[in-house]
Amino acid sequence: VDGTGRIQTVSRAASPRYYDVIKAFGERTGVPVILNTSFNRQEPIVTRPEEAISCFLRTDMDVLVLGNRYITDRNPKAIERAFARFAVLEREVEALSAATFLPKLPPKRVGG
């Protein structure tokens, strides 16, 4: 969390499922507010389930919700695999960053 915030409201008509999650959270904790932040850790925002699981395993998130399922456990072998796969991805990104993406120009013509 970067210390900034923006209030957003949710109505039951607009998003019944999310509204019910917030309401249940409020009833359980006394705080009817949920923090919404980008889902990433110094990398591109998560867009696929496997990226979500990898990010969950490598961070201090309490719970990961995917559809109607939630994950709270962190199997040590799964964590090790997540870090290993991320290290490979990091090296690939660094290699791409070092490459030059400028197109080669045709040879310069002399004369007319």
N, C-alpha and C. Protein backbone atom coordinates (compact mmCIF):
# COMPACT_ATOMS: atom_id res chain seq x y z
N VAL A 1 0.86 -1.18 0.00
CA VAL A 1 0.00 0.00 0.00
C VAL A 1 0.90 1.24 0.00
N ASP A 2 0.58 2.19 -0.85
CA ASP A 2 1.45 3.36 -1.01
C ASP A 2 0.99 4.59 -0.23
N GLY A 3 0.02 4.44 0.66
CA GLY A 3 -0.42 5.56 1.48
C GLY A 3 -1.48 6.43 0.83
N THR A 4 -1.89 6.10 -0.38
CA THR A 4 -2.94 6.87 -1.04
C THR A 4 -4.22 6.07 -1.03
N GLY A 5 -5.32 6.73 -1.26
CA GLY A 5 -6.60 6.04 -1.29
C GLY A 5 -7.63 6.82 -2.07
N ARG A 6 -8.66 6.12 -2.46
CA ARG A 6 -9.76 6.74 -3.19
C ARG A 6 -11.01 5.96 -2.83
N ILE A 7 -12.03 6.65 -2.39
CA ILE A 7 -13.27 6.00 -1.98
C ILE A 7 -14.05 5.57 -3.21
N GLN A 8 -14.52 4.34 -3.19
CA GLN A 8 -15.41 3.83 -4.23
C GLN A 8 -16.56 3.14 -3.52
N THR A 9 -17.75 3.30 -4.05
CA THR A 9 -18.92 2.67 -3.45
C THR A 9 -19.43 1.57 -4.36
N VAL A 10 -20.09 0.60 -3.74
CA VAL A 10 -20.65 -0.53 -4.47
C VAL A 10 -22.10 -0.69 -4.06
N SER A 11 -22.99 -0.76 -5.03
CA SER A 11 -24.40 -1.00 -4.72
C SER A 11 -24.73 -2.46 -5.00
N ARG A 12 -25.73 -2.96 -4.31
CA ARG A 12 -26.15 -4.34 -4.53
C ARG A 12 -26.62 -4.53 -5.98
N ALA A 13 -27.29 -3.50 -6.53
CA ALA A 13 -27.79 -3.60 -7.91
C ALA A 13 -26.65 -3.70 -8.92
N ALA A 14 -25.58 -2.96 -8.70
CA ALA A 14 -24.46 -2.94 -9.65
C ALA A 14 -23.60 -4.19 -9.56
N SER A 15 -23.38 -4.68 -8.34
CA SER A 15 -22.48 -5.83 -8.15
C SER A 15 -22.90 -6.61 -6.91
N PRO A 16 -23.95 -7.43 -7.04
CA PRO A 16 -24.48 -8.12 -5.86
C PRO A 16 -23.46 -9.00 -5.13
N ARG A 17 -22.63 -9.69 -5.87
CA ARG A 17 -21.67 -10.59 -5.23
C ARG A 17 -20.64 -9.81 -4.42
N TYR A 18 -20.07 -8.76 -5.01
CA TYR A 18 -19.07 -7.96 -4.31
C TYR A 18 -19.71 -7.22 -3.14
N TYR A 19 -20.92 -6.73 -3.32
CA TYR A 19 -21.65 -6.06 -2.25
C TYR A 19 -21.81 -7.02 -1.06
N ASP A 20 -22.20 -8.26 -1.35
CA ASP A 20 -22.40 -9.24 -0.27
C ASP A 20 -21.09 -9.58 0.43
N VAL A 21 -19.98 -9.61 -0.30
CA VAL A 21 -18.67 -9.86 0.31
C VAL A 21 -18.34 -8.74 1.30
N ILE A 22 -18.53 -7.50 0.87
CA ILE A 22 -18.23 -6.35 1.74
C ILE A 22 -19.15 -6.36 2.96
N LYS A 23 -20.42 -6.66 2.74
CA LYS A 23 -21.38 -6.70 3.86
C LYS A 23 -20.99 -7.79 4.86
N ALA A 24 -20.66 -8.98 4.37
CA ALA A 24 -20.27 -10.08 5.26
C ALA A 24 -18.98 -9.74 6.01
N PHE A 25 -18.03 -9.12 5.32
CA PHE A 25 -16.79 -8.70 5.96
C PHE A 25 -17.09 -7.70 7.08
N GLY A 26 -17.98 -6.75 6.81
CA GLY A 26 -18.37 -5.76 7.82
C GLY A 26 -19.03 -6.40 9.03
N GLU A 27 -19.92 -7.36 8.78
CA GLU A 27 -20.59 -8.05 9.89
C GLU A 27 -19.60 -8.84 10.73
N ARG A 28 -18.62 -9.41 10.09
CA ARG A 28 -17.65 -10.25 10.80
C ARG A 28 -16.61 -9.44 11.55
N THR A 29 -16.18 -8.31 10.97
CA THR A 29 -15.07 -7.55 11.55
C THR A 29 -15.48 -6.22 12.18
N GLY A 30 -16.68 -5.74 11.85
CA GLY A 30 -17.09 -4.41 12.31
C GLY A 30 -16.56 -3.30 11.41
N VAL A 31 -15.87 -3.66 10.34
CA VAL A 31 -15.31 -2.68 9.40
C VAL A 31 -15.84 -3.00 8.00
N PRO A 32 -16.88 -2.29 7.55
CA PRO A 32 -17.46 -2.59 6.24
C PRO A 32 -16.70 -1.94 5.09
N VAL A 33 -15.40 -2.11 5.09
CA VAL A 33 -14.54 -1.50 4.07
C VAL A 33 -13.52 -2.55 3.62
N ILE A 34 -13.29 -2.59 2.32
CA ILE A 34 -12.28 -3.49 1.78
C ILE A 34 -11.28 -2.66 1.00
N LEU A 35 -10.00 -2.91 1.24
CA LEU A 35 -8.94 -2.21 0.52
C LEU A 35 -8.77 -2.84 -0.85
N ASN A 36 -8.71 -2.01 -1.85
CA ASN A 36 -8.50 -2.47 -3.22
C ASN A 36 -7.18 -1.88 -3.70
N THR A 37 -6.29 -2.73 -4.15
CA THR A 37 -5.00 -2.25 -4.65
C THR A 37 -4.63 -3.06 -5.88
N SER A 38 -3.63 -2.62 -6.60
CA SER A 38 -3.21 -3.38 -7.78
C SER A 38 -2.64 -4.72 -7.32
N PHE A 39 -2.82 -5.73 -8.14
CA PHE A 39 -2.42 -7.08 -7.78
C PHE A 39 -1.11 -7.41 -8.50
N ASN A 40 -0.03 -7.01 -7.87
CA ASN A 40 1.29 -7.30 -8.41
C ASN A 40 2.33 -7.02 -7.34
N ARG A 41 3.51 -7.44 -7.59
CA ARG A 41 4.62 -7.16 -6.67
C ARG A 41 5.83 -6.76 -7.50
N GLN A 42 5.91 -5.49 -7.79
CA GLN A 42 7.00 -4.94 -8.60
C GLN A 42 7.15 -5.71 -9.92
N GLU A 43 6.02 -6.02 -10.53
CA GLU A 43 5.97 -6.73 -11.80
C GLU A 43 4.66 -6.37 -12.47
N PRO A 44 4.43 -6.80 -13.71
CA PRO A 44 3.15 -6.48 -14.35
C PRO A 44 1.96 -6.98 -13.53
N ILE A 45 0.84 -6.30 -13.65
CA ILE A 45 -0.36 -6.67 -12.89
C ILE A 45 -0.80 -8.08 -13.29
N VAL A 46 -1.21 -8.84 -12.30
CA VAL A 46 -1.66 -10.22 -12.48
C VAL A 46 -2.89 -10.26 -13.39
N THR A 47 -2.86 -11.16 -14.38
CA THR A 47 -4.00 -11.30 -15.28
C THR A 47 -4.47 -12.74 -15.44
N ARG A 48 -3.68 -13.71 -14.96
CA ARG A 48 -4.03 -15.12 -15.12
C ARG A 48 -3.99 -15.82 -13.76
N PRO A 49 -4.78 -16.89 -13.58
CA PRO A 49 -4.79 -17.60 -12.29
C PRO A 49 -3.41 -18.05 -11.83
N GLU A 50 -2.58 -18.56 -12.75
CA GLU A 50 -1.25 -19.03 -12.33
C GLU A 50 -0.37 -17.88 -11.85
N GLU A 51 -0.56 -16.69 -12.43
CA GLU A 51 0.19 -15.51 -11.96
C GLU A 51 -0.30 -15.11 -10.56
N ALA A 52 -1.61 -15.22 -10.34
CA ALA A 52 -2.18 -14.90 -9.02
C ALA A 52 -1.63 -15.83 -7.95
N ILE A 53 -1.59 -17.12 -8.27
CA ILE A 53 -1.07 -18.10 -7.30
C ILE A 53 0.40 -17.85 -7.03
N SER A 54 1.17 -17.59 -8.07
CA SER A 54 2.59 -17.31 -7.90
C SER A 54 2.80 -16.08 -7.02
N CYS A 55 2.06 -15.02 -7.29
CA CYS A 55 2.18 -13.79 -6.49
C CYS A 55 1.78 -14.06 -5.04
N PHE A 56 0.71 -14.80 -4.84
CA PHE A 56 0.26 -15.16 -3.49
C PHE A 56 1.35 -15.91 -2.73
N LEU A 57 1.97 -16.87 -3.40
CA LEU A 57 2.99 -17.69 -2.74
C LEU A 57 4.25 -16.90 -2.40
N ARG A 58 4.51 -15.82 -3.14
CA ARG A 58 5.74 -15.05 -2.93
C ARG A 58 5.53 -13.79 -2.08
N THR A 59 4.32 -13.58 -1.57
CA THR A 59 4.04 -12.38 -0.79
C THR A 59 3.44 -12.75 0.56
N ASP A 60 3.09 -11.73 1.32
CA ASP A 60 2.49 -11.96 2.64
C ASP A 60 0.97 -11.84 2.62
N MET A 61 0.36 -12.06 1.45
CA MET A 61 -1.10 -12.02 1.37
C MET A 61 -1.69 -13.05 2.33
N ASP A 62 -2.83 -12.71 2.92
CA ASP A 62 -3.49 -13.65 3.84
C ASP A 62 -4.29 -14.71 3.10
N VAL A 63 -5.01 -14.27 2.07
CA VAL A 63 -5.93 -15.15 1.36
C VAL A 63 -5.91 -14.80 -0.12
N LEU A 64 -6.04 -15.80 -0.96
CA LEU A 64 -6.22 -15.59 -2.40
C LEU A 64 -7.56 -16.18 -2.78
N VAL A 65 -8.41 -15.37 -3.40
CA VAL A 65 -9.72 -15.84 -3.85
C VAL A 65 -9.71 -15.92 -5.37
N LEU A 66 -10.03 -17.09 -5.88
CA LEU A 66 -10.15 -17.32 -7.33
C LEU A 66 -11.53 -17.91 -7.59
N GLY A 67 -12.41 -17.11 -8.17
CA GLY A 67 -13.77 -17.59 -8.41
C GLY A 67 -14.45 -17.92 -7.10
N ASN A 68 -14.93 -19.15 -6.95
CA ASN A 68 -15.61 -19.57 -5.72
C ASN A 68 -14.67 -20.30 -4.76
N ARG A 69 -13.39 -20.24 -5.00
CA ARG A 69 -12.42 -20.93 -4.14
C ARG A 69 -11.49 -19.92 -3.48
N TYR A 70 -10.98 -20.30 -2.32
CA TYR A 70 -9.99 -19.45 -1.68
C TYR A 70 -8.83 -20.30 -1.17
N ILE A 71 -7.67 -19.68 -1.14
CA ILE A 71 -6.44 -20.37 -0.74
C ILE A 71 -5.84 -19.62 0.44
N THR A 72 -5.49 -20.36 1.49
CA THR A 72 -4.81 -19.75 2.63
C THR A 72 -3.50 -20.46 2.94
N ASP A 73 -3.37 -21.70 2.50
CA ASP A 73 -2.18 -22.49 2.82
C ASP A 73 -1.04 -22.18 1.86
N ARG A 74 0.15 -22.33 2.38
CA ARG A 74 1.35 -22.14 1.57
C ARG A 74 2.24 -23.38 1.72
N ASN A 75 2.12 -24.27 0.78
CA ASN A 75 2.94 -25.47 0.77
C ASN A 75 4.38 -25.06 0.47
N PRO A 76 5.34 -25.44 1.32
CA PRO A 76 6.73 -25.02 1.10
C PRO A 76 7.28 -25.38 -0.28
N LYS A 77 6.93 -26.56 -0.80
CA LYS A 77 7.42 -26.93 -2.13
C LYS A 77 6.81 -26.04 -3.21
N ALA A 78 5.54 -25.67 -3.04
CA ALA A 78 4.90 -24.77 -4.02
C ALA A 78 5.55 -23.40 -3.98
N ILE A 79 5.89 -22.93 -2.79
CA ILE A 79 6.56 -21.63 -2.66
C ILE A 79 7.92 -21.67 -3.37
N GLU A 80 8.65 -22.75 -3.14
CA GLU A 80 9.97 -22.90 -3.77
C GLU A 80 9.85 -22.88 -5.30
N ARG A 81 8.84 -23.60 -5.83
CA ARG A 81 8.63 -23.62 -7.29
C ARG A 81 8.24 -22.24 -7.80
N ALA A 82 7.40 -21.52 -7.05
CA ALA A 82 6.97 -20.18 -7.47
C ALA A 82 8.17 -19.24 -7.57
N PHE A 83 9.06 -19.28 -6.58
CA PHE A 83 10.24 -18.42 -6.62
C PHE A 83 11.18 -18.83 -7.77
N ALA A 84 11.32 -20.13 -8.00
CA ALA A 84 12.20 -20.59 -9.08
C ALA A 84 11.66 -20.14 -10.44
N ARG A 85 10.35 -20.29 -10.65
CA ARG A 85 9.75 -19.87 -11.93
C ARG A 85 9.86 -18.37 -12.10
N PHE A 86 9.67 -17.63 -11.01
CA PHE A 86 9.75 -16.17 -11.10
C PHE A 86 11.18 -15.75 -11.44
N ALA A 87 12.17 -16.44 -10.89
CA ALA A 87 13.57 -16.10 -11.17
C ALA A 87 13.87 -16.29 -12.66
N VAL A 88 13.33 -17.36 -13.25
CA VAL A 88 13.52 -17.59 -14.69
C VAL A 88 12.86 -16.47 -15.47
N LEU A 89 11.64 -16.11 -15.10
CA LEU A 89 10.93 -15.03 -15.78
C LEU A 89 11.69 -13.72 -15.66
N GLU A 90 12.22 -13.44 -14.48
CA GLU A 90 13.00 -12.21 -14.28
C GLU A 90 14.21 -12.16 -15.20
N ARG A 91 14.91 -13.27 -15.33
CA ARG A 91 16.08 -13.32 -16.21
C ARG A 91 15.68 -13.10 -17.67
N GLU A 92 14.54 -13.67 -18.07
CA GLU A 92 14.07 -13.49 -19.45
C GLU A 92 13.72 -12.03 -19.72
N VAL A 93 13.07 -11.39 -18.77
CA VAL A 93 12.71 -9.98 -18.92
C VAL A 93 13.96 -9.12 -18.99
N GLU A 94 14.94 -9.40 -18.14
CA GLU A 94 16.19 -8.64 -18.16
C GLU A 94 16.90 -8.80 -19.51
N ALA A 95 16.88 -10.01 -20.06
CA ALA A 95 17.52 -10.25 -21.36
C ALA A 95 16.81 -9.45 -22.45
N LEU A 96 15.48 -9.42 -22.39
CA LEU A 96 14.73 -8.65 -23.39
C LEU A 96 15.00 -7.16 -23.23
N SER A 97 15.11 -6.71 -22.00
CA SER A 97 15.37 -5.29 -21.76
C SER A 97 16.72 -4.88 -22.31
N ALA A 98 17.68 -5.79 -22.27
CA ALA A 98 19.03 -5.48 -22.74
C ALA A 98 19.11 -5.50 -24.27
N ALA A 99 18.17 -6.20 -24.91
CA ALA A 99 18.19 -6.29 -26.37
C ALA A 99 17.75 -4.97 -26.99
N THR A 100 18.20 -4.72 -28.20
CA THR A 100 17.80 -3.52 -28.92
C THR A 100 16.62 -3.84 -29.81
N PHE A 101 15.55 -3.06 -29.67
CA PHE A 101 14.36 -3.31 -30.46
C PHE A 101 14.23 -2.36 -31.65
N LEU A 102 15.28 -1.59 -31.94
CA LEU A 102 15.21 -0.67 -33.06
C LEU A 102 15.36 -1.45 -34.37
N PRO A 103 14.51 -1.15 -35.35
CA PRO A 103 14.65 -1.86 -36.62
C PRO A 103 15.93 -1.45 -37.34
N LYS A 104 16.48 -2.36 -38.08
CA LYS A 104 17.68 -2.04 -38.85
C LYS A 104 17.28 -1.17 -40.03
N LEU A 105 18.05 -0.13 -40.24
CA LEU A 105 17.78 0.77 -41.36
C LEU A 105 18.42 0.22 -42.61
N PRO A 106 17.79 0.47 -43.77
CA PRO A 106 18.41 0.02 -45.02
C PRO A 106 19.71 0.78 -45.25
N PRO A 107 20.61 0.21 -46.02
CA PRO A 107 21.88 0.91 -46.29
C PRO A 107 21.62 2.28 -46.89
N LYS A 108 22.45 3.22 -46.52
CA LYS A 108 22.30 4.59 -47.02
C LYS A 108 22.67 4.63 -48.50
N ARG A 109 21.80 5.27 -49.29
CA ARG A 109 22.06 5.41 -50.73
C ARG A 109 22.97 6.60 -50.98
N VAL A 110 23.87 6.41 -51.84
CA VAL A 110 24.77 7.51 -52.23
C VAL A 110 24.39 7.94 -53.64
N GLY A 111 24.22 9.21 -53.83
CA GLY A 111 23.86 9.70 -55.16
C GLY A 111 22.36 9.67 -55.36
N GLY A 112 21.92 9.78 -56.57
CA GLY A 112 20.51 9.94 -56.78
C GLY A 112 19.92 9.03 -57.68
